[in-house]
C-alpha atoms as a PDB file:
ATOM      1  CA  UNK A   1      62.150  34.994  73.262  1.00  0.00           C
ATOM      2  CA  UNK A   2      62.970  36.704  76.557  1.00  0.00           C
ATOM      3  CA  UNK A   3      66.416  37.708  77.703  1.00  0.00           C
ATOM      4  CA  UNK A   4      67.640  38.597  74.193  1.00  0.00           C
ATOM      5  CA  UNK A   5      69.355  41.964  74.030  1.00  0.00           C
ATOM      6  CA  UNK A   6      67.753  44.387  71.551  1.00  0.00           C
ATOM      7  CA  UNK A   7      69.697  45.040  68.374  1.00  0.00           C
ATOM      8  CA  UNK A   8      70.915  48.474  67.410  1.00  0.00           C
ATOM      9  CA  UNK A   9      68.467  49.163  64.591  1.00  0.00           C
ATOM     10  CA  UNK A  10      65.792  51.397  66.186  1.00  0.00           C
ATOM     11  CA  UNK A  11      65.584  55.052  65.151  1.00  0.00           C
ATOM     12  CA  UNK A  12      64.800  57.896  67.562  1.00  0.00           C
ATOM     13  CA  UNK A  13      63.045  61.185  66.679  1.00  0.00           C
ATOM     14  CA  UNK A  14      66.460  62.886  66.599  1.00  0.00           C
ATOM     15  CA  UNK A  15      67.634  60.426  63.943  1.00  0.00           C
ATOM     16  CA  UNK A  16      69.966  58.372  66.127  1.00  0.00           C
ATOM     17  CA  UNK A  17      70.182  54.615  65.595  1.00  0.00           C
ATOM     18  CA  UNK A  18      70.038  52.890  68.975  1.00  0.00           C
ATOM     19  CA  UNK A  19      69.305  49.567  70.670  1.00  0.00           C
ATOM     20  CA  UNK A  20      65.816  49.644  72.221  1.00  0.00           C
ATOM     21  CA  UNK A  21      63.249  46.980  73.101  1.00  0.00           C
ATOM     22  CA  UNK A  22      60.461  49.014  71.439  1.00  0.00           C
ATOM     23  CA  UNK A  23      58.737  47.228  68.576  1.00  0.00           C
ATOM     24  CA  UNK A  24      58.535  49.141  65.323  1.00  0.00           C
ATOM     25  CA  UNK A  25      55.352  49.909  63.385  1.00  0.00           C
ATOM     26  CA  UNK A  26      57.477  50.595  60.289  1.00  0.00           C
ATOM     27  CA  UNK A  27      60.788  49.549  58.835  1.00  0.00           C
ATOM     28  CA  UNK A  28      63.006  51.416  56.392  1.00  0.00           C
ATOM     29  CA  UNK A  29      66.569  52.203  55.418  1.00  0.00           C
ATOM     30  CA  UNK A  30      69.019  54.927  54.511  1.00  0.00           C
ATOM     31  CA  UNK A  31      70.150  54.003  51.049  1.00  0.00           C
ATOM     32  CA  UNK A  32      72.450  51.069  51.687  1.00  0.00           C
ATOM     33  CA  UNK A  33      74.495  49.118  54.214  1.00  0.00           C
ATOM     34  CA  UNK A  34      75.174  50.933  57.471  1.00  0.00           C
ATOM     35  CA  UNK A  35      76.488  47.854  59.254  1.00  0.00           C
ATOM     36  CA  UNK A  36      79.498  45.611  59.454  1.00  0.00           C
ATOM     37  CA  UNK A  37      78.605  42.305  61.006  1.00  0.00           C
ATOM     38  CA  UNK A  38      75.841  43.304  63.409  1.00  0.00           C
ATOM     39  CA  UNK A  39      77.335  46.690  64.266  1.00  0.00           C
ATOM     40  CA  UNK A  40      76.168  50.029  62.855  1.00  0.00           C
ATOM     41  CA  UNK A  41      79.282  51.765  61.523  1.00  0.00           C
ATOM     42  CA  UNK A  42      77.811  54.841  59.780  1.00  0.00           C
ATOM     43  CA  UNK A  43      74.595  56.862  60.088  1.00  0.00           C
ATOM     44  CA  UNK A  44      73.584  56.751  56.402  1.00  0.00           C
ATOM     45  CA  UNK A  45      74.745  55.546  53.004  1.00  0.00           C
ATOM     46  CA  UNK A  46      72.985  58.082  50.740  1.00  0.00           C
ATOM     47  CA  UNK A  47      70.248  60.716  50.823  1.00  0.00           C
ATOM     48  CA  UNK A  48      67.556  58.045  50.179  1.00  0.00           C
ATOM     49  CA  UNK A  49      65.960  57.767  53.635  1.00  0.00           C
ATOM     50  CA  UNK A  50      62.659  55.885  53.351  1.00  0.00           C
ATOM     51  CA  UNK A  51      60.002  54.349  55.585  1.00  0.00           C
ATOM     52  CA  UNK A  52      58.563  51.003  54.498  1.00  0.00           C
ATOM     53  CA  UNK A  53      55.779  48.608  55.423  1.00  0.00           C
ATOM     54  CA  UNK A  54      56.747  45.711  57.665  1.00  0.00           C
ATOM     55  CA  UNK A  55      55.219  43.311  55.125  1.00  0.00           C
ATOM     56  CA  UNK A  56      54.910  43.693  51.361  1.00  0.00           C
ATOM     57  CA  UNK A  57      53.852  40.980  48.909  1.00  0.00           C
ATOM     58  CA  UNK A  58      55.313  38.239  51.056  1.00  0.00           C
ATOM     59  CA  UNK A  59      58.875  39.471  50.636  1.00  0.00           C
ATOM     60  CA  UNK A  60      61.356  38.564  53.327  1.00  0.00           C
ATOM     61  CA  UNK A  61      65.068  39.079  53.681  1.00  0.00           C
ATOM     62  CA  UNK A  62      67.423  38.175  56.495  1.00  0.00           C
ATOM     63  CA  UNK A  63      68.827  41.126  58.426  1.00  0.00           C
ATOM     64  CA  UNK A  64      72.502  42.030  58.714  1.00  0.00           C
ATOM     65  CA  UNK A  65      73.476  40.479  55.387  1.00  0.00           C
ATOM     66  CA  UNK A  66      76.880  41.735  54.165  1.00  0.00           C
ATOM     67  CA  UNK A  67      76.755  44.598  51.660  1.00  0.00           C
ATOM     68  CA  UNK A  68      72.945  44.776  51.740  1.00  0.00           C
ATOM     69  CA  UNK A  69      70.868  47.642  53.066  1.00  0.00           C
ATOM     70  CA  UNK A  70      70.369  47.829  56.800  1.00  0.00           C
ATOM     71  CA  UNK A  71      66.838  47.374  58.110  1.00  0.00           C
ATOM     72  CA  UNK A  72      65.875  50.158  60.518  1.00  0.00           C
ATOM     73  CA  UNK A  73      62.713  50.323  62.649  1.00  0.00           C
ATOM     74  CA  UNK A  74      60.489  53.189  63.816  1.00  0.00           C
ATOM     75  CA  UNK A  75      58.030  53.271  66.712  1.00  0.00           C
ATOM     76  CA  UNK A  76      55.505  55.123  64.557  1.00  0.00           C
ATOM     77  CA  UNK A  77      55.438  57.219  61.400  1.00  0.00           C
ATOM     78  CA  UNK A  78      55.735  60.491  63.319  1.00  0.00           C
ATOM     79  CA  UNK A  79      59.107  59.297  64.665  1.00  0.00           C
ATOM     80  CA  UNK A  80      60.233  58.304  61.161  1.00  0.00           C
ATOM     81  CA  UNK A  81      59.322  61.707  59.751  1.00  0.00           C
ATOM     82  CA  UNK A  82      61.053  63.534  62.622  1.00  0.00           C
ATOM     83  CA  UNK A  83      64.214  61.548  61.893  1.00  0.00           C
ATOM     84  CA  UNK A  84      64.055  62.754  58.280  1.00  0.00           C
ATOM     85  CA  UNK A  85      62.572  59.768  56.426  1.00  0.00           C
ATOM     86  CA  UNK A  86      59.778  59.803  53.829  1.00  0.00           C
ATOM     87  CA  UNK A  87      57.351  57.098  52.560  1.00  0.00           C
ATOM     88  CA  UNK A  88      58.753  54.495  50.169  1.00  0.00           C
ATOM     89  CA  UNK A  89      57.491  54.904  46.614  1.00  0.00           C
ATOM     90  CA  UNK A  90      57.110  51.144  46.074  1.00  0.00           C
ATOM     91  CA  UNK A  91      55.676  49.391  49.129  1.00  0.00           C
ATOM     92  CA  UNK A  92      53.836  52.558  50.258  1.00  0.00           C
ATOM     93  CA  UNK A  93      52.936  53.983  46.871  1.00  0.00           C
ATOM     94  CA  UNK A  94      49.668  55.647  47.903  1.00  0.00           C
ATOM     95  CA  UNK A  95      51.279  57.221  50.977  1.00  0.00           C
ATOM     96  CA  UNK A  96      54.181  58.351  48.818  1.00  0.00           C
ATOM     97  CA  UNK A  97      51.827  60.081  46.364  1.00  0.00           C
ATOM     98  CA  UNK A  98      49.851  61.676  49.194  1.00  0.00           C
ATOM     99  CA  UNK A  99      53.046  62.963  50.819  1.00  0.00           C
ATOM    100  CA  UNK A 100      54.461  64.231  47.517  1.00  0.00           C
ATOM    101  CA  UNK A 101      51.232  66.081  46.674  1.00  0.00           C
ATOM    102  CA  UNK A 102      50.988  67.552  50.182  1.00  0.00           C
ATOM    103  CA  UNK A 103      54.642  68.608  49.939  1.00  0.00           C
ATOM    104  CA  UNK A 104      53.876  70.545  46.727  1.00  0.00           C
ATOM    105  CA  UNK A 105      50.763  72.139  48.209  1.00  0.00           C
ATOM    106  CA  UNK A 106      52.428  72.979  51.499  1.00  0.00           C
ATOM    107  CA  UNK A 107      55.618  74.439  50.034  1.00  0.00           C
ATOM    108  CA  UNK A 108      53.950  76.153  47.084  1.00  0.00           C
ATOM    109  CA  UNK A 109      56.177  74.381  44.575  1.00  0.00           C
ATOM    110  CA  UNK A 110      55.706  72.058  41.616  1.00  0.00           C
ATOM    111  CA  UNK A 111      55.162  68.390  42.375  1.00  0.00           C
ATOM    112  CA  UNK A 112      58.646  67.205  43.366  1.00  0.00           C
ATOM    113  CA  UNK A 113      60.479  64.157  42.097  1.00  0.00           C
ATOM    114  CA  UNK A 114      61.750  61.575  44.565  1.00  0.00           C
ATOM    115  CA  UNK A 115      65.289  62.852  43.967  1.00  0.00           C
ATOM    116  CA  UNK A 116      64.248  66.397  44.760  1.00  0.00           C
ATOM    117  CA  UNK A 117      62.590  65.360  48.022  1.00  0.00           C
ATOM    118  CA  UNK A 118      65.629  63.282  48.975  1.00  0.00           C
ATOM    119  CA  UNK A 119      67.988  66.175  48.316  1.00  0.00           C
ATOM    120  CA  UNK A 120      65.892  68.751  50.171  1.00  0.00           C
ATOM    121  CA  UNK A 121      65.257  66.506  53.172  1.00  0.00           C
ATOM    122  CA  UNK A 122      68.952  65.675  53.393  1.00  0.00           C
ATOM    123  CA  UNK A 123      69.813  69.371  53.565  1.00  0.00           C
ATOM    124  CA  UNK A 124      67.093  69.989  56.138  1.00  0.00           C
ATOM    125  CA  UNK A 125      67.910  67.150  58.509  1.00  0.00           C
ATOM    126  CA  UNK A 126      71.709  67.299  58.587  1.00  0.00           C
ATOM    127  CA  UNK A 127      74.519  69.770  58.880  1.00  0.00           C
ATOM    128  CA  UNK A 128      76.931  66.798  58.673  1.00  0.00           C
ATOM    129  CA  UNK A 129      77.704  67.148  62.371  1.00  0.00           C
ATOM    130  CA  UNK A 130      74.455  67.440  64.293  1.00  0.00           C
ATOM    131  CA  UNK A 131      70.674  67.331  63.983  1.00  0.00           C
ATOM    132  CA  UNK A 132      69.224  70.608  62.821  1.00  0.00           C
ATOM    133  CA  UNK A 133      66.287  72.195  64.562  1.00  0.00           C
ATOM    134  CA  UNK A 134      64.222  75.122  63.343  1.00  0.00           C
ATOM    135  CA  UNK A 135      61.876  77.530  65.064  1.00  0.00           C
ATOM    136  CA  UNK A 136      58.152  77.714  64.348  1.00  0.00           C
ATOM    137  CA  UNK A 137      55.269  79.364  66.146  1.00  0.00           C
ATOM    138  CA  UNK A 138      53.119  77.082  68.280  1.00  0.00           C
ATOM    139  CA  UNK A 139      49.970  78.291  66.601  1.00  0.00           C
ATOM    140  CA  UNK A 140      48.946  75.856  63.891  1.00  0.00           C
ATOM    141  CA  UNK A 141      51.783  73.405  64.505  1.00  0.00           C
ATOM    142  CA  UNK A 142      50.324  70.269  62.878  1.00  0.00           C
ATOM    143  CA  UNK A 143      49.723  66.978  64.685  1.00  0.00           C
ATOM    144  CA  UNK A 144      52.601  64.531  64.341  1.00  0.00           C
ATOM    145  CA  UNK A 145      55.278  67.222  64.437  1.00  0.00           C
ATOM    146  CA  UNK A 146      58.123  66.541  66.861  1.00  0.00           C
ATOM    147  CA  UNK A 147      59.579  69.349  68.951  1.00  0.00           C
ATOM    148  CA  UNK A 148      62.220  69.603  71.647  1.00  0.00           C
ATOM    149  CA  UNK A 149      60.607  70.330  75.029  1.00  0.00           C
ATOM    150  CA  UNK A 150      63.331  71.116  77.552  1.00  0.00           C
ATOM    151  CA  UNK A 151      65.671  69.065  75.392  1.00  0.00           C
ATOM    152  CA  UNK A 152      63.308  66.058  75.253  1.00  0.00           C
ATOM    153  CA  UNK A 153      61.623  65.032  71.965  1.00  0.00           C
ATOM    154  CA  UNK A 154      57.841  65.388  72.193  1.00  0.00           C
ATOM    155  CA  UNK A 155      55.112  64.922  69.603  1.00  0.00           C
ATOM    156  CA  UNK A 156      52.326  67.454  69.082  1.00  0.00           C
ATOM    157  CA  UNK A 157      48.871  65.873  69.278  1.00  0.00           C
ATOM    158  CA  UNK A 158      45.725  68.009  69.522  1.00  0.00           C
ATOM    159  CA  UNK A 159      46.199  70.480  72.392  1.00  0.00           C
ATOM    160  CA  UNK A 160      49.084  68.714  74.111  1.00  0.00           C
ATOM    161  CA  UNK A 161      52.655  67.478  73.714  1.00  0.00           C
ATOM    162  CA  UNK A 162      53.663  63.932  74.595  1.00  0.00           C
ATOM    163  CA  UNK A 163      57.240  63.116  75.556  1.00  0.00           C
ATOM    164  CA  UNK A 164      58.987  60.349  73.625  1.00  0.00           C
ATOM    165  CA  UNK A 165      61.022  57.967  75.779  1.00  0.00           C
ATOM    166  CA  UNK A 166      62.959  54.768  75.244  1.00  0.00           C
ATOM    167  CA  UNK A 167      59.854  52.943  76.512  1.00  0.00           C
ATOM    168  CA  UNK A 168      57.431  54.725  74.183  1.00  0.00           C
ATOM    169  CA  UNK A 169      55.314  57.814  74.783  1.00  0.00           C
ATOM    170  CA  UNK A 170      55.290  59.158  78.327  1.00  0.00           C
ATOM    171  CA  UNK A 171      54.266  62.363  80.068  1.00  0.00           C
ATOM    172  CA  UNK A 172      51.722  64.747  78.581  1.00  0.00           C
ATOM    173  CA  UNK A 173      51.975  68.526  78.695  1.00  0.00           C
ATOM    174  CA  UNK A 174      49.680  71.318  77.586  1.00  0.00           C
ATOM    175  CA  UNK A 175      50.740  72.777  74.271  1.00  0.00           C
ATOM    176  CA  UNK A 176      51.911  76.394  74.684  1.00  0.00           C
ATOM    177  CA  UNK A 177      49.694  79.018  73.094  1.00  0.00           C
ATOM    178  CA  UNK A 178      52.406  81.584  72.428  1.00  0.00           C
ATOM    179  CA  UNK A 179      56.101  81.659  71.636  1.00  0.00           C
ATOM    180  CA  UNK A 180      58.134  79.481  69.327  1.00  0.00           C
ATOM    181  CA  UNK A 181      58.795  75.753  69.198  1.00  0.00           C
ATOM    182  CA  UNK A 182      62.138  74.077  68.576  1.00  0.00           C
ATOM    183  CA  UNK A 183      61.075  71.699  65.816  1.00  0.00           C
ATOM    184  CA  UNK A 184      62.796  68.426  64.915  1.00  0.00           C
ATOM    185  CA  UNK A 185      60.583  67.402  61.992  1.00  0.00           C
ATOM    186  CA  UNK A 186      62.085  68.803  58.743  1.00  0.00           C
ATOM    187  CA  UNK A 187      60.411  71.986  57.425  1.00  0.00           C
ATOM    188  CA  UNK A 188      59.220  70.411  54.163  1.00  0.00           C
ATOM    189  CA  UNK A 189      57.526  67.587  56.066  1.00  0.00           C
ATOM    190  CA  UNK A 190      55.879  70.054  58.454  1.00  0.00           C
ATOM    191  CA  UNK A 191      54.571  71.875  55.369  1.00  0.00           C
ATOM    192  CA  UNK A 192      53.179  68.581  54.040  1.00  0.00           C
ATOM    193  CA  UNK A 193      51.433  67.954  57.381  1.00  0.00           C
ATOM    194  CA  UNK A 194      49.900  71.426  57.223  1.00  0.00           C
ATOM    195  CA  UNK A 195      48.670  70.701  53.692  1.00  0.00           C
ATOM    196  CA  UNK A 196      46.833  67.585  54.821  1.00  0.00           C
ATOM    197  CA  UNK A 197      49.189  64.614  55.135  1.00  0.00           C
ATOM    198  CA  UNK A 198      48.258  62.747  58.325  1.00  0.00           C
ATOM    199  CA  UNK A 199      51.146  60.766  59.811  1.00  0.00           C
ATOM    200  CA  UNK A 200      50.449  57.625  61.796  1.00  0.00           C
ATOM    201  CA  UNK A 201      50.925  58.288  65.531  1.00  0.00           C
ATOM    202  CA  UNK A 202      50.895  55.504  68.082  1.00  0.00           C
ATOM    203  CA  UNK A 203      47.602  55.353  69.992  1.00  0.00           C
ATOM    204  CA  UNK A 204      49.442  55.776  73.302  1.00  0.00           C
ATOM    205  CA  UNK A 205      50.060  59.420  72.402  1.00  0.00           C
ATOM    206  CA  UNK A 206      46.393  60.198  71.866  1.00  0.00           C
END
């Protein structure tokens, strides 16, 4: 239907929940109800931030139900990871296992529980006031990692960066060869990417 205003349930790479016309490749939630009526009233309900398949075993539930978790939507998986989400252990079980194993390999730790990943990611993505960023060298920055380029979120793909906009991916820029990047994607997720997890990135960025 045309002329219908987008609802405020789209997530940006910085973790904000906004109203955008972009369709989402994934859905997900943040541990509970974030809405009252059709208005988002808080950024999260717990440290359980997951990314889910749009369809799973024919399940369907109406959005904006009172006291039920709020459906959020992500342009692609790289955006979801940058915002601080991880794969759901139920509807994305194989992706969850792959991410968990890559996390362990990339961080040099024992295979983490879901609770451990939730707790660590929550500490990495929030300081309870603003989005955290961390510095990493450009060399070896894995594909799917989001950085801030002149204050604009951009995803690293091959030898270039692609700006993220409210209309999808936009301008391309050569990836710097030296210096440090201001990284949005949480450190543990970047480590998982380096250890072999391959996030889904919209084809328009490639």
